[in-house]
């Protein structure tokens, strides 16, 4: 995805941040905190049998313009796009949830997380 496909100003407004933070550890903490406070976890579409759309236009329409929440893939794809648009080195990664199971239990990767690499 090109950073030009992402409406960074609308995203920053949605999460309540003015200006464009520099890609620093301190800014990352502010962005993640603001994102978590402004965009709730929501899996209503999944529960209603509607597969979520994970293209950036759909994510921005739902989570930014539509002021709804999303589940982990929606949340983290949007967050990763925002971080990249701000100059962070952000990588999406698949994960598996093992809560209540042994760490080596065979589980499918059904969760998404974002790794951010910083100079420090």
PDB file of N, CA and C in Angstrom:
ATOM      1  N   UNK A   1       0.844  -1.177   0.000  1.00  0.00           N
ATOM      2  CA  UNK A   1       0.000   0.000   0.000  1.00  0.00           C
ATOM      3  C   UNK A   1       0.886   1.235   0.000  1.00  0.00           C
ATOM      4  N   UNK A   2       0.548   2.157  -0.810  1.00  0.00           N
ATOM      5  CA  UNK A   2       1.260   3.417  -0.862  1.00  0.00           C
ATOM      6  C   UNK A   2       0.760   4.332   0.250  1.00  0.00           C
ATOM      7  N   UNK A   3       1.664   5.099   0.851  1.00  0.00           N
ATOM      8  CA  UNK A   3       1.234   6.033   1.895  1.00  0.00           C
ATOM      9  C   UNK A   3       0.318   7.108   1.323  1.00  0.00           C
ATOM     10  N   UNK A   4       0.336   7.291  -0.006  1.00  0.00           N
ATOM     11  CA  UNK A   4      -0.562   8.279  -0.597  1.00  0.00           C
ATOM     12  C   UNK A   4      -2.006   7.780  -0.628  1.00  0.00           C
ATOM     13  N   UNK A   5      -2.229   6.470  -0.462  1.00  0.00           N
ATOM     14  CA  UNK A   5      -3.576   5.898  -0.425  1.00  0.00           C
ATOM     15  C   UNK A   5      -4.214   6.051   0.955  1.00  0.00           C
ATOM     16  N   UNK A   6      -3.473   6.517   1.910  1.00  0.00           N
ATOM     17  CA  UNK A   6      -3.932   6.580   3.290  1.00  0.00           C
ATOM     18  C   UNK A   6      -4.182   8.039   3.674  1.00  0.00           C
ATOM     19  N   UNK A   7      -5.357   8.325   4.215  1.00  0.00           N
ATOM     20  CA  UNK A   7      -5.707   9.684   4.630  1.00  0.00           C
ATOM     21  C   UNK A   7      -5.223   9.906   6.062  1.00  0.00           C
ATOM     22  N   UNK A   8      -3.973  10.276   6.189  1.00  0.00           N
ATOM     23  CA  UNK A   8      -3.349  10.436   7.499  1.00  0.00           C
ATOM     24  C   UNK A   8      -4.020  11.531   8.314  1.00  0.00           C
ATOM     25  N   UNK A   9      -4.357  12.648   7.692  1.00  0.00           N
ATOM     26  CA  UNK A   9      -4.987  13.736   8.439  1.00  0.00           C
ATOM     27  C   UNK A   9      -6.326  13.309   9.038  1.00  0.00           C
ATOM     28  N   UNK A  10      -7.130  12.568   8.281  1.00  0.00           N
ATOM     29  CA  UNK A  10      -8.415  12.088   8.798  1.00  0.00           C
ATOM     30  C   UNK A  10      -8.194  11.113   9.950  1.00  0.00           C
ATOM     31  N   UNK A  11      -7.195  10.244   9.820  1.00  0.00           N
ATOM     32  CA  UNK A  11      -6.881   9.299  10.894  1.00  0.00           C
ATOM     33  C   UNK A  11      -6.456  10.040  12.162  1.00  0.00           C
ATOM     34  N   UNK A  12      -5.545  10.992  12.024  1.00  0.00           N
ATOM     35  CA  UNK A  12      -5.069  11.736  13.194  1.00  0.00           C
ATOM     36  C   UNK A  12      -6.218  12.502  13.857  1.00  0.00           C
ATOM     37  N   UNK A  13      -7.116  13.053  13.058  1.00  0.00           N
ATOM     38  CA  UNK A  13      -8.292  13.730  13.613  1.00  0.00           C
ATOM     39  C   UNK A  13      -9.162  12.724  14.372  1.00  0.00           C
ATOM     40  N   UNK A  14      -9.352  11.540  13.788  1.00  0.00           N
ATOM     41  CA  UNK A  14     -10.189  10.500  14.415  1.00  0.00           C
ATOM     42  C   UNK A  14      -9.649  10.099  15.786  1.00  0.00           C
ATOM     43  N   UNK A  15      -8.336  10.028  15.913  1.00  0.00           N
ATOM     44  CA  UNK A  15      -7.762   9.617  17.201  1.00  0.00           C
ATOM     45  C   UNK A  15      -7.440  10.810  18.106  1.00  0.00           C
ATOM     46  N   UNK A  16      -7.778  12.018  17.639  1.00  0.00           N
ATOM     47  CA  UNK A  16      -7.647  13.195  18.483  1.00  0.00           C
ATOM     48  C   UNK A  16      -6.270  13.807  18.566  1.00  0.00           C
ATOM     49  N   UNK A  17      -5.448  13.585  17.551  1.00  0.00           N
ATOM     50  CA  UNK A  17      -4.106  14.174  17.548  1.00  0.00           C
ATOM     51  C   UNK A  17      -4.024  15.279  16.508  1.00  0.00           C
ATOM     52  N   UNK A  18      -3.450  16.394  16.893  1.00  0.00           N
ATOM     53  CA  UNK A  18      -3.201  17.483  15.964  1.00  0.00           C
ATOM     54  C   UNK A  18      -1.765  17.418  15.500  1.00  0.00           C
ATOM     55  N   UNK A  19      -1.517  17.820  14.295  1.00  0.00           N
ATOM     56  CA  UNK A  19      -0.156  17.794  13.772  1.00  0.00           C
ATOM     57  C   UNK A  19       0.272  16.395  13.397  1.00  0.00           C
ATOM     58  N   UNK A  20       1.476  16.305  12.890  1.00  0.00           N
ATOM     59  CA  UNK A  20       2.035  15.020  12.467  1.00  0.00           C
ATOM     60  C   UNK A  20       3.250  14.693  13.324  1.00  0.00           C
ATOM     61  N   UNK A  21       3.090  13.766  14.250  1.00  0.00           N
ATOM     62  CA  UNK A  21       4.216  13.424  15.127  1.00  0.00           C
ATOM     63  C   UNK A  21       5.399  12.856  14.346  1.00  0.00           C
ATOM     64  N   UNK A  22       6.587  13.095  14.855  1.00  0.00           N
ATOM     65  CA  UNK A  22       7.803  12.522  14.289  1.00  0.00           C
ATOM     66  C   UNK A  22       7.890  11.057  14.721  1.00  0.00           C
ATOM     67  N   UNK A  23       8.590  10.215  13.951  1.00  0.00           N
ATOM     68  CA  UNK A  23       8.692   8.791  14.290  1.00  0.00           C
ATOM     69  C   UNK A  23       9.679   8.519  15.432  1.00  0.00           C
ATOM     70  N   UNK A  24       9.230   8.777  16.655  1.00  0.00           N
ATOM     71  CA  UNK A  24      10.044   8.547  17.851  1.00  0.00           C
ATOM     72  C   UNK A  24       9.310   7.598  18.791  1.00  0.00           C
ATOM     73  N   UNK A  25      10.019   7.061  19.747  1.00  0.00           N
ATOM     74  CA  UNK A  25       9.415   6.176  20.744  1.00  0.00           C
ATOM     75  C   UNK A  25       8.323   6.903  21.522  1.00  0.00           C
ATOM     76  N   UNK A  26       8.576   8.148  21.901  1.00  0.00           N
ATOM     77  CA  UNK A  26       7.594   8.923  22.654  1.00  0.00           C
ATOM     78  C   UNK A  26       6.322   9.136  21.829  1.00  0.00           C
ATOM     79  N   UNK A  27       6.485   9.471  20.547  1.00  0.00           N
ATOM     80  CA  UNK A  27       5.327   9.675  19.676  1.00  0.00           C
ATOM     81  C   UNK A  27       4.572   8.365  19.470  1.00  0.00           C
ATOM     82  N   UNK A  28       5.300   7.264  19.346  1.00  0.00           N
ATOM     83  CA  UNK A  28       4.661   5.963  19.179  1.00  0.00           C
ATOM     84  C   UNK A  28       3.731   5.657  20.353  1.00  0.00           C
ATOM     85  N   UNK A  29       4.198   5.917  21.558  1.00  0.00           N
ATOM     86  CA  UNK A  29       3.371   5.681  22.745  1.00  0.00           C
ATOM     87  C   UNK A  29       2.105   6.542  22.711  1.00  0.00           C
ATOM     88  N   UNK A  30       2.244   7.780  22.282  1.00  0.00           N
ATOM     89  CA  UNK A  30       1.084   8.680  22.195  1.00  0.00           C
ATOM     90  C   UNK A  30       0.110   8.195  21.131  1.00  0.00           C
ATOM     91  N   UNK A  31       0.616   7.808  19.972  1.00  0.00           N
ATOM     92  CA  UNK A  31      -0.237   7.364  18.870  1.00  0.00           C
ATOM     93  C   UNK A  31      -0.995   6.090  19.249  1.00  0.00           C
ATOM     94  N   UNK A  32      -0.285   5.110  19.780  1.00  0.00           N
ATOM     95  CA  UNK A  32      -0.930   3.850  20.162  1.00  0.00           C
ATOM     96  C   UNK A  32      -1.979   4.098  21.248  1.00  0.00           C
ATOM     97  N   UNK A  33      -1.647   4.915  22.223  1.00  0.00           N
ATOM     98  CA  UNK A  33      -2.603   5.235  23.279  1.00  0.00           C
ATOM     99  C   UNK A  33      -3.841   5.935  22.741  1.00  0.00           C
ATOM    100  N   UNK A  34      -3.639   6.904  21.852  1.00  0.00           N
ATOM    101  CA  UNK A  34      -4.767   7.637  21.275  1.00  0.00           C
ATOM    102  C   UNK A  34      -5.623   6.720  20.410  1.00  0.00           C
ATOM    103  N   UNK A  35      -4.975   5.851  19.652  1.00  0.00           N
ATOM    104  CA  UNK A  35      -5.703   4.895  18.809  1.00  0.00           C
ATOM    105  C   UNK A  35      -6.581   3.995  19.685  1.00  0.00           C
ATOM    106  N   UNK A  36      -6.008   3.458  20.741  1.00  0.00           N
ATOM    107  CA  UNK A  36      -6.751   2.546  21.622  1.00  0.00           C
ATOM    108  C   UNK A  36      -7.927   3.240  22.309  1.00  0.00           C
ATOM    109  N   UNK A  37      -7.765   4.494  22.660  1.00  0.00           N
ATOM    110  CA  UNK A  37      -8.854   5.234  23.309  1.00  0.00           C
ATOM    111  C   UNK A  37      -9.952   5.635  22.333  1.00  0.00           C
ATOM    112  N   UNK A  38      -9.603   5.886  21.074  1.00  0.00           N
ATOM    113  CA  UNK A  38     -10.567   6.418  20.115  1.00  0.00           C
ATOM    114  C   UNK A  38     -11.278   5.350  19.283  1.00  0.00           C
ATOM    115  N   UNK A  39     -10.590   4.254  18.990  1.00  0.00           N
ATOM    116  CA  UNK A  39     -11.150   3.247  18.082  1.00  0.00           C
ATOM    117  C   UNK A  39     -11.294   1.935  18.846  1.00  0.00           C
ATOM    118  N   UNK A  40     -12.519   1.587  19.241  1.00  0.00           N
ATOM    119  CA  UNK A  40     -12.713   0.409  20.085  1.00  0.00           C
ATOM    120  C   UNK A  40     -12.556  -0.907  19.325  1.00  0.00           C
ATOM    121  N   UNK A  41     -12.288  -1.950  20.092  1.00  0.00           N
ATOM    122  CA  UNK A  41     -12.349  -3.302  19.538  1.00  0.00           C
ATOM    123  C   UNK A  41     -13.814  -3.600  19.258  1.00  0.00           C
ATOM    124  N   UNK A  42     -14.074  -4.142  18.097  1.00  0.00           N
ATOM    125  CA  UNK A  42     -15.457  -4.468  17.714  1.00  0.00           C
ATOM    126  C   UNK A  42     -15.420  -5.624  16.727  1.00  0.00           C
ATOM    127  N   UNK A  43     -16.254  -6.628  16.948  1.00  0.00           N
ATOM    128  CA  UNK A  43     -16.344  -7.732  15.990  1.00  0.00           C
ATOM    129  C   UNK A  43     -17.789  -7.997  15.575  1.00  0.00           C
ATOM    130  N   UNK A  44     -18.599  -6.958  15.524  1.00  0.00           N
ATOM    131  CA  UNK A  44     -20.015  -7.094  15.189  1.00  0.00           C
ATOM    132  C   UNK A  44     -20.189  -7.679  13.788  1.00  0.00           C
ATOM    133  N   UNK A  45     -19.430  -7.210  12.810  1.00  0.00           N
ATOM    134  CA  UNK A  45     -19.570  -7.732  11.455  1.00  0.00           C
ATOM    135  C   UNK A  45     -19.301  -9.235  11.411  1.00  0.00           C
ATOM    136  N   UNK A  46     -18.266  -9.676  12.092  1.00  0.00           N
ATOM    137  CA  UNK A  46     -17.934 -11.103  12.134  1.00  0.00           C
ATOM    138  C   UNK A  46     -19.084 -11.890  12.764  1.00  0.00           C
ATOM    139  N   UNK A  47     -19.626 -11.393  13.864  1.00  0.00           N
ATOM    140  CA  UNK A  47     -20.736 -12.080  14.534  1.00  0.00           C
ATOM    141  C   UNK A  47     -21.990 -12.126  13.666  1.00  0.00           C
ATOM    142  N   UNK A  48     -22.170 -11.146  12.776  1.00  0.00           N
ATOM    143  CA  UNK A  48     -23.321 -11.116  11.885  1.00  0.00           C
ATOM    144  C   UNK A  48     -23.065 -11.880  10.583  1.00  0.00           C
ATOM    145  N   UNK A  49     -21.907 -12.514  10.493  1.00  0.00           N
ATOM    146  CA  UNK A  49     -21.597 -13.301   9.300  1.00  0.00           C
ATOM    147  C   UNK A  49     -21.133 -12.485   8.120  1.00  0.00           C
ATOM    148  N   UNK A  50     -20.758 -11.235   8.346  1.00  0.00           N
ATOM    149  CA  UNK A  50     -20.254 -10.374   7.272  1.00  0.00           C
ATOM    150  C   UNK A  50     -18.737 -10.365   7.335  1.00  0.00           C
ATOM    151  N   UNK A  51     -18.083 -10.950   6.349  1.00  0.00           N
ATOM    152  CA  UNK A  51     -16.614 -10.954   6.373  1.00  0.00           C
ATOM    153  C   UNK A  51     -16.083  -9.521   6.346  1.00  0.00           C
ATOM    154  N   UNK A  52     -15.140  -9.212   7.204  1.00  0.00           N
ATOM    155  CA  UNK A  52     -14.581  -7.857   7.196  1.00  0.00           C
ATOM    156  C   UNK A  52     -13.782  -7.601   5.922  1.00  0.00           C
ATOM    157  N   UNK A  53     -13.844  -6.380   5.462  1.00  0.00           N
ATOM    158  CA  UNK A  53     -13.071  -5.964   4.293  1.00  0.00           C
ATOM    159  C   UNK A  53     -11.774  -5.356   4.798  1.00  0.00           C
ATOM    160  N   UNK A  54     -10.663  -5.859   4.307  1.00  0.00           N
ATOM    161  CA  UNK A  54      -9.368  -5.450   4.834  1.00  0.00           C
ATOM    162  C   UNK A  54      -8.577  -4.546   3.895  1.00  0.00           C
ATOM    163  N   UNK A  55      -9.192  -4.071   2.816  1.00  0.00           N
ATOM    164  CA  UNK A  55      -8.499  -3.109   1.968  1.00  0.00           C
ATOM    165  C   UNK A  55      -8.540  -1.747   2.663  1.00  0.00           C
ATOM    166  N   UNK A  56      -7.582  -0.904   2.365  1.00  0.00           N
ATOM    167  CA  UNK A  56      -7.432   0.351   3.100  1.00  0.00           C
ATOM    168  C   UNK A  56      -8.628   1.285   2.935  1.00  0.00           C
ATOM    169  N   UNK A  57      -9.215   1.341   1.753  1.00  0.00           N
ATOM    170  CA  UNK A  57     -10.376   2.208   1.561  1.00  0.00           C
ATOM    171  C   UNK A  57     -11.529   1.781   2.473  1.00  0.00           C
ATOM    172  N   UNK A  58     -11.766   0.477   2.578  1.00  0.00           N
ATOM    173  CA  UNK A  58     -12.833  -0.031   3.450  1.00  0.00           C
ATOM    174  C   UNK A  58     -12.516   0.207   4.917  1.00  0.00           C
ATOM    175  N   UNK A  59     -11.261   0.013   5.293  1.00  0.00           N
ATOM    176  CA  UNK A  59     -10.866   0.236   6.690  1.00  0.00           C
ATOM    177  C   UNK A  59     -11.041   1.694   7.081  1.00  0.00           C
ATOM    178  N   UNK A  60     -10.623   2.595   6.198  1.00  0.00           N
ATOM    179  CA  UNK A  60     -10.780   4.017   6.505  1.00  0.00           C
ATOM    180  C   UNK A  60     -12.247   4.414   6.552  1.00  0.00           C
ATOM    181  N   UNK A  61     -13.063   3.847   5.644  1.00  0.00           N
ATOM    182  CA  UNK A  61     -14.491   4.170   5.640  1.00  0.00           C
ATOM    183  C   UNK A  61     -15.154   3.703   6.934  1.00  0.00           C
ATOM    184  N   UNK A  62     -14.815   2.534   7.403  1.00  0.00           N
ATOM    185  CA  UNK A  62     -15.457   1.978   8.598  1.00  0.00           C
ATOM    186  C   UNK A  62     -14.909   2.600   9.887  1.00  0.00           C
ATOM    187  N   UNK A  63     -13.593   2.546  10.071  1.00  0.00           N
ATOM    188  CA  UNK A  63     -12.999   2.926  11.347  1.00  0.00           C
ATOM    189  C   UNK A  63     -12.758   4.426  11.489  1.00  0.00           C
ATOM    190  N   UNK A  64     -12.467   5.101  10.394  1.00  0.00           N
ATOM    191  CA  UNK A  64     -12.177   6.536  10.464  1.00  0.00           C
ATOM    192  C   UNK A  64     -13.437   7.348  10.170  1.00  0.00           C
ATOM    193  N   UNK A  65     -13.937   7.275   8.944  1.00  0.00           N
ATOM    194  CA  UNK A  65     -15.118   8.065   8.577  1.00  0.00           C
ATOM    195  C   UNK A  65     -16.374   7.602   9.293  1.00  0.00           C
ATOM    196  N   UNK A  66     -16.565   6.275   9.380  1.00  0.00           N
ATOM    197  CA  UNK A  66     -17.754   5.725  10.011  1.00  0.00           C
ATOM    198  C   UNK A  66     -17.704   5.706  11.523  1.00  0.00           C
ATOM    199  N   UNK A  67     -16.546   6.026  12.089  1.00  0.00           N
ATOM    200  CA  UNK A  67     -16.354   6.120  13.540  1.00  0.00           C
ATOM    201  C   UNK A  67     -16.741   4.830  14.274  1.00  0.00           C
ATOM    202  N   UNK A  68     -16.515   3.706  13.611  1.00  0.00           N
ATOM    203  CA  UNK A  68     -16.754   2.413  14.239  1.00  0.00           C
ATOM    204  C   UNK A  68     -15.442   1.845  14.722  1.00  0.00           C
ATOM    205  N   UNK A  69     -15.528   0.694  15.359  1.00  0.00           N
ATOM    206  CA  UNK A  69     -14.350  -0.036  15.781  1.00  0.00           C
ATOM    207  C   UNK A  69     -14.092  -1.187  14.832  1.00  0.00           C
ATOM    208  N   UNK A  70     -13.136  -2.023  15.208  1.00  0.00           N
ATOM    209  CA  UNK A  70     -12.793  -3.168  14.381  1.00  0.00           C
ATOM    210  C   UNK A  70     -12.081  -4.223  15.191  1.00  0.00           C
ATOM    211  N   UNK A  71     -11.917  -5.395  14.603  1.00  0.00           N
ATOM    212  CA  UNK A  71     -11.188  -6.462  15.282  1.00  0.00           C
ATOM    213  C   UNK A  71      -9.706  -6.346  14.951  1.00  0.00           C
ATOM    214  N   UNK A  72      -8.902  -7.257  15.442  1.00  0.00           N
ATOM    215  CA  UNK A  72      -7.446  -7.073  15.427  1.00  0.00           C
ATOM    216  C   UNK A  72      -6.869  -6.806  14.039  1.00  0.00           C
ATOM    217  N   UNK A  73      -7.327  -7.526  13.010  1.00  0.00           N
ATOM    218  CA  UNK A  73      -6.771  -7.287  11.678  1.00  0.00           C
ATOM    219  C   UNK A  73      -7.143  -5.890  11.182  1.00  0.00           C
ATOM    220  N   UNK A  74      -8.375  -5.470  11.395  1.00  0.00           N
ATOM    221  CA  UNK A  74      -8.795  -4.132  10.974  1.00  0.00           C
ATOM    222  C   UNK A  74      -8.017  -3.063  11.739  1.00  0.00           C
ATOM    223  N   UNK A  75      -7.975  -3.206  13.047  1.00  0.00           N
ATOM    224  CA  UNK A  75      -7.273  -2.245  13.901  1.00  0.00           C
ATOM    225  C   UNK A  75      -5.803  -2.117  13.502  1.00  0.00           C
ATOM    226  N   UNK A  76      -5.148  -3.249  13.399  1.00  0.00           N
ATOM    227  CA  UNK A  76      -3.704  -3.225  13.201  1.00  0.00           C
ATOM    228  C   UNK A  76      -3.288  -2.901  11.776  1.00  0.00           C
ATOM    229  N   UNK A  77      -4.108  -3.233  10.780  1.00  0.00           N
ATOM    230  CA  UNK A  77      -3.804  -2.784   9.419  1.00  0.00           C
ATOM    231  C   UNK A  77      -3.907  -1.264   9.328  1.00  0.00           C
ATOM    232  N   UNK A  78      -4.930  -0.694   9.973  1.00  0.00           N
ATOM    233  CA  UNK A  78      -5.082   0.753   9.989  1.00  0.00           C
ATOM    234  C   UNK A  78      -3.929   1.415  10.741  1.00  0.00           C
ATOM    235  N   UNK A  79      -3.608   0.907  11.911  1.00  0.00           N
ATOM    236  CA  UNK A  79      -2.510   1.456  12.708  1.00  0.00           C
ATOM    237  C   UNK A  79      -1.186   1.353  11.950  1.00  0.00           C
ATOM    238  N   UNK A  80      -0.932   0.202  11.337  1.00  0.00           N
ATOM    239  CA  UNK A  80       0.319   0.034  10.579  1.00  0.00           C
ATOM    240  C   UNK A  80       0.403   1.055   9.453  1.00  0.00           C
ATOM    241  N   UNK A  81      -0.705   1.286   8.743  1.00  0.00           N
ATOM    242  CA  UNK A  81      -0.709   2.278   7.657  1.00  0.00           C
ATOM    243  C   UNK A  81      -0.406   3.670   8.189  1.00  0.00           C
ATOM    244  N   UNK A  82      -1.001   4.010   9.320  1.00  0.00           N
ATOM    245  CA  UNK A  82      -0.757   5.323   9.921  1.00  0.00           C
ATOM    246  C   UNK A  82       0.707   5.474  10.326  1.00  0.00           C
ATOM    247  N   UNK A  83       1.238   4.460  10.970  1.00  0.00           N
ATOM    248  CA  UNK A  83       2.630   4.533  11.412  1.00  0.00           C
ATOM    249  C   UNK A  83       3.576   4.650  10.230  1.00  0.00           C
ATOM    250  N   UNK A  84       3.325   3.885   9.190  1.00  0.00           N
ATOM    251  CA  UNK A  84       4.165   3.985   7.989  1.00  0.00           C
ATOM    252  C   UNK A  84       4.065   5.371   7.362  1.00  0.00           C
ATOM    253  N   UNK A  85       2.841   5.919   7.314  1.00  0.00           N
ATOM    254  CA  UNK A  85       2.655   7.250   6.738  1.00  0.00           C
ATOM    255  C   UNK A  85       3.409   8.313   7.532  1.00  0.00           C
ATOM    256  N   UNK A  86       3.612   8.055   8.816  1.00  0.00           N
ATOM    257  CA  UNK A  86       4.354   8.984   9.671  1.00  0.00           C
ATOM    258  C   UNK A  86       5.860   8.737   9.649  1.00  0.00           C
ATOM    259  N   UNK A  87       6.297   7.719   8.933  1.00  0.00           N
ATOM    260  CA  UNK A  87       7.726   7.459   8.804  1.00  0.00           C
ATOM    261  C   UNK A  87       8.260   6.369   9.708  1.00  0.00           C
ATOM    262  N   UNK A  88       7.409   5.672  10.432  1.00  0.00           N
ATOM    263  CA  UNK A  88       7.849   4.547  11.265  1.00  0.00           C
ATOM    264  C   UNK A  88       8.111   3.333  10.375  1.00  0.00           C
ATOM    265  N   UNK A  89       9.008   2.464  10.825  1.00  0.00           N
ATOM    266  CA  UNK A  89       9.218   1.167  10.179  1.00  0.00           C
ATOM    267  C   UNK A  89       8.315   0.176  10.897  1.00  0.00           C
ATOM    268  N   UNK A  90       7.144  -0.075  10.335  1.00  0.00           N
ATOM    269  CA  UNK A  90       6.134  -0.922  10.967  1.00  0.00           C
ATOM    270  C   UNK A  90       5.874  -2.147  10.105  1.00  0.00           C
ATOM    271  N   UNK A  91       5.832  -3.302  10.754  1.00  0.00           N
ATOM    272  CA  UNK A  91       5.627  -4.581  10.078  1.00  0.00           C
ATOM    273  C   UNK A  91       4.441  -5.297  10.699  1.00  0.00           C
ATOM    274  N   UNK A  92       3.522  -5.759   9.875  1.00  0.00           N
ATOM    275  CA  UNK A  92       2.422  -6.568  10.369  1.00  0.00           C
ATOM    276  C   UNK A  92       2.892  -7.998  10.555  1.00  0.00           C
ATOM    277  N   UNK A  93       2.452  -8.608  11.645  1.00  0.00           N
ATOM    278  CA  UNK A  93       2.857  -9.982  11.938  1.00  0.00           C
ATOM    279  C   UNK A  93       1.639 -10.792  12.382  1.00  0.00           C
ATOM    280  N   UNK A  94       1.603 -12.046  11.972  1.00  0.00           N
ATOM    281  CA  UNK A  94       0.560 -12.951  12.438  1.00  0.00           C
ATOM    282  C   UNK A  94       0.957 -13.506  13.791  1.00  0.00           C
ATOM    283  N   UNK A  95      -0.031 -13.755  14.600  1.00  0.00           N
ATOM    284  CA  UNK A  95       0.221 -14.298  15.934  1.00  0.00           C
ATOM    285  C   UNK A  95      -0.848 -15.346  16.244  1.00  0.00           C
ATOM    286  N   UNK A  96      -0.623 -16.081  17.294  1.00  0.00           N
ATOM    287  CA  UNK A  96      -1.619 -17.034  17.756  1.00  0.00           C
ATOM    288  C   UNK A  96      -1.898 -16.772  19.219  1.00  0.00           C
ATOM    289  N   UNK A  97      -3.126 -16.952  19.599  1.00  0.00           N
ATOM    290  CA  UNK A  97      -3.538 -16.736  20.971  1.00  0.00           C
ATOM    291  C   UNK A  97      -3.478 -18.075  21.689  1.00  0.00           C
ATOM    292  N   UNK A  98      -2.738 -18.130  22.803  1.00  0.00           N
ATOM    293  CA  UNK A  98      -2.588 -19.390  23.541  1.00  0.00           C
ATOM    294  C   UNK A  98      -3.114 -19.293  24.967  1.00  0.00           C
ATOM    295  N   UNK A  99      -3.847 -18.244  25.262  1.00  0.00           N
ATOM    296  CA  UNK A  99      -4.374 -18.073  26.612  1.00  0.00           C
ATOM    297  C   UNK A  99      -5.204 -19.294  27.008  1.00  0.00           C
ATOM    298  N   UNK A 100      -4.877 -19.865  28.129  1.00  0.00           N
ATOM    299  CA  UNK A 100      -5.595 -21.042  28.621  1.00  0.00           C
ATOM    300  C   UNK A 100      -5.073 -22.347  28.052  1.00  0.00           C
ATOM    301  N   UNK A 101      -4.069 -22.281  27.186  1.00  0.00           N
ATOM    302  CA  UNK A 101      -3.477 -23.476  26.595  1.00  0.00           C
ATOM    303  C   UNK A 101      -1.970 -23.457  26.841  1.00  0.00           C
ATOM    304  N   UNK A 102      -1.315 -24.599  26.786  1.00  0.00           N
ATOM    305  CA  UNK A 102       0.151 -24.592  26.867  1.00  0.00           C
ATOM    306  C   UNK A 102       0.738 -23.804  25.698  1.00  0.00           C
ATOM    307  N   UNK A 103       1.874 -23.171  25.922  1.00  0.00           N
ATOM    308  CA  UNK A 103       2.493 -22.334  24.889  1.00  0.00           C
ATOM    309  C   UNK A 103       2.801 -23.116  23.625  1.00  0.00           C
ATOM    310  N   UNK A 104       3.022 -24.421  23.726  1.00  0.00           N
ATOM    311  CA  UNK A 104       3.339 -25.217  22.539  1.00  0.00           C
ATOM    312  C   UNK A 104       2.113 -25.924  21.955  1.00  0.00           C
ATOM    313  N   UNK A 105       0.926 -25.575  22.416  1.00  0.00           N
ATOM    314  CA  UNK A 105      -0.303 -26.176  21.880  1.00  0.00           C
ATOM    315  C   UNK A 105      -0.460 -25.795  20.408  1.00  0.00           C
ATOM    316  N   UNK A 106      -0.884 -26.751  19.564  1.00  0.00           N
ATOM    317  CA  UNK A 106      -1.079 -26.414  18.146  1.00  0.00           C
ATOM    318  C   UNK A 106      -2.280 -25.494  17.976  1.00  0.00           C
ATOM    319  N   UNK A 107      -2.017 -24.256  17.597  1.00  0.00           N
ATOM    320  CA  UNK A 107      -3.060 -23.251  17.401  1.00  0.00           C
ATOM    321  C   UNK A 107      -2.799 -22.553  16.069  1.00  0.00           C
ATOM    322  N   UNK A 108      -3.867 -22.175  15.388  1.00  0.00           N
ATOM    323  CA  UNK A 108      -3.730 -21.416  14.145  1.00  0.00           C
ATOM    324  C   UNK A 108      -3.365 -19.968  14.448  1.00  0.00           C
ATOM    325  N   UNK A 109      -2.641 -19.371  13.532  1.00  0.00           N
ATOM    326  CA  UNK A 109      -2.352 -17.944  13.636  1.00  0.00           C
ATOM    327  C   UNK A 109      -3.616 -17.187  13.250  1.00  0.00           C
ATOM    328  N   UNK A 110      -4.269 -16.586  14.222  1.00  0.00           N
ATOM    329  CA  UNK A 110      -5.554 -15.932  13.980  1.00  0.00           C
ATOM    330  C   UNK A 110      -5.596 -14.516  14.546  1.00  0.00           C
ATOM    331  N   UNK A 111      -4.434 -13.951  14.805  1.00  0.00           N
ATOM    332  CA  UNK A 111      -4.358 -12.626  15.403  1.00  0.00           C
ATOM    333  C   UNK A 111      -3.285 -11.838  14.659  1.00  0.00           C
ATOM    334  N   UNK A 112      -3.423 -10.531  14.631  1.00  0.00           N
ATOM    335  CA  UNK A 112      -2.422  -9.684  13.995  1.00  0.00           C
ATOM    336  C   UNK A 112      -1.856  -8.708  15.005  1.00  0.00           C
ATOM    337  N   UNK A 113      -0.567  -8.517  14.947  1.00  0.00           N
ATOM    338  CA  UNK A 113       0.110  -7.527  15.769  1.00  0.00           C
ATOM    339  C   UNK A 113       1.002  -6.684  14.850  1.00  0.00           C
ATOM    340  N   UNK A 114       1.456  -5.561  15.357  1.00  0.00           N
ATOM    341  CA  UNK A 114       2.340  -4.687  14.591  1.00  0.00           C
ATOM    342  C   UNK A 114       3.655  -4.545  15.351  1.00  0.00           C
ATOM    343  N   UNK A 115       4.743  -4.803  14.651  1.00  0.00           N
ATOM    344  CA  UNK A 115       6.076  -4.586  15.225  1.00  0.00           C
ATOM    345  C   UNK A 115       6.625  -3.290  14.643  1.00  0.00           C
ATOM    346  N   UNK A 116       7.175  -2.454  15.513  1.00  0.00           N
ATOM    347  CA  UNK A 116       7.767  -1.197  15.082  1.00  0.00           C
ATOM    348  C   UNK A 116       9.247  -1.218  15.438  1.00  0.00           C
ATOM    349  N   UNK A 117      10.083  -0.995  14.453  1.00  0.00           N
ATOM    350  CA  UNK A 117      11.528  -0.940  14.663  1.00  0.00           C
ATOM    351  C   UNK A 117      11.947   0.518  14.775  1.00  0.00           C
ATOM    352  N   UNK A 118      12.616   0.833  15.876  1.00  0.00           N
ATOM    353  CA  UNK A 118      13.094   2.199  16.126  1.00  0.00           C
ATOM    354  C   UNK A 118      14.611   2.182  16.240  1.00  0.00           C
ATOM    355  N   UNK A 119      15.264   3.296  15.919  1.00  0.00           N
ATOM    356  CA  UNK A 119      16.729   3.342  16.019  1.00  0.00           C
ATOM    357  C   UNK A 119      17.224   2.989  17.419  1.00  0.00           C
ATOM    358  N   UNK A 120      16.495   3.411  18.461  1.00  0.00           N
ATOM    359  CA  UNK A 120      16.943   3.130  19.805  1.00  0.00           C
ATOM    360  C   UNK A 120      16.581   1.733  20.217  1.00  0.00           C
TER     361      UNK A 120
END
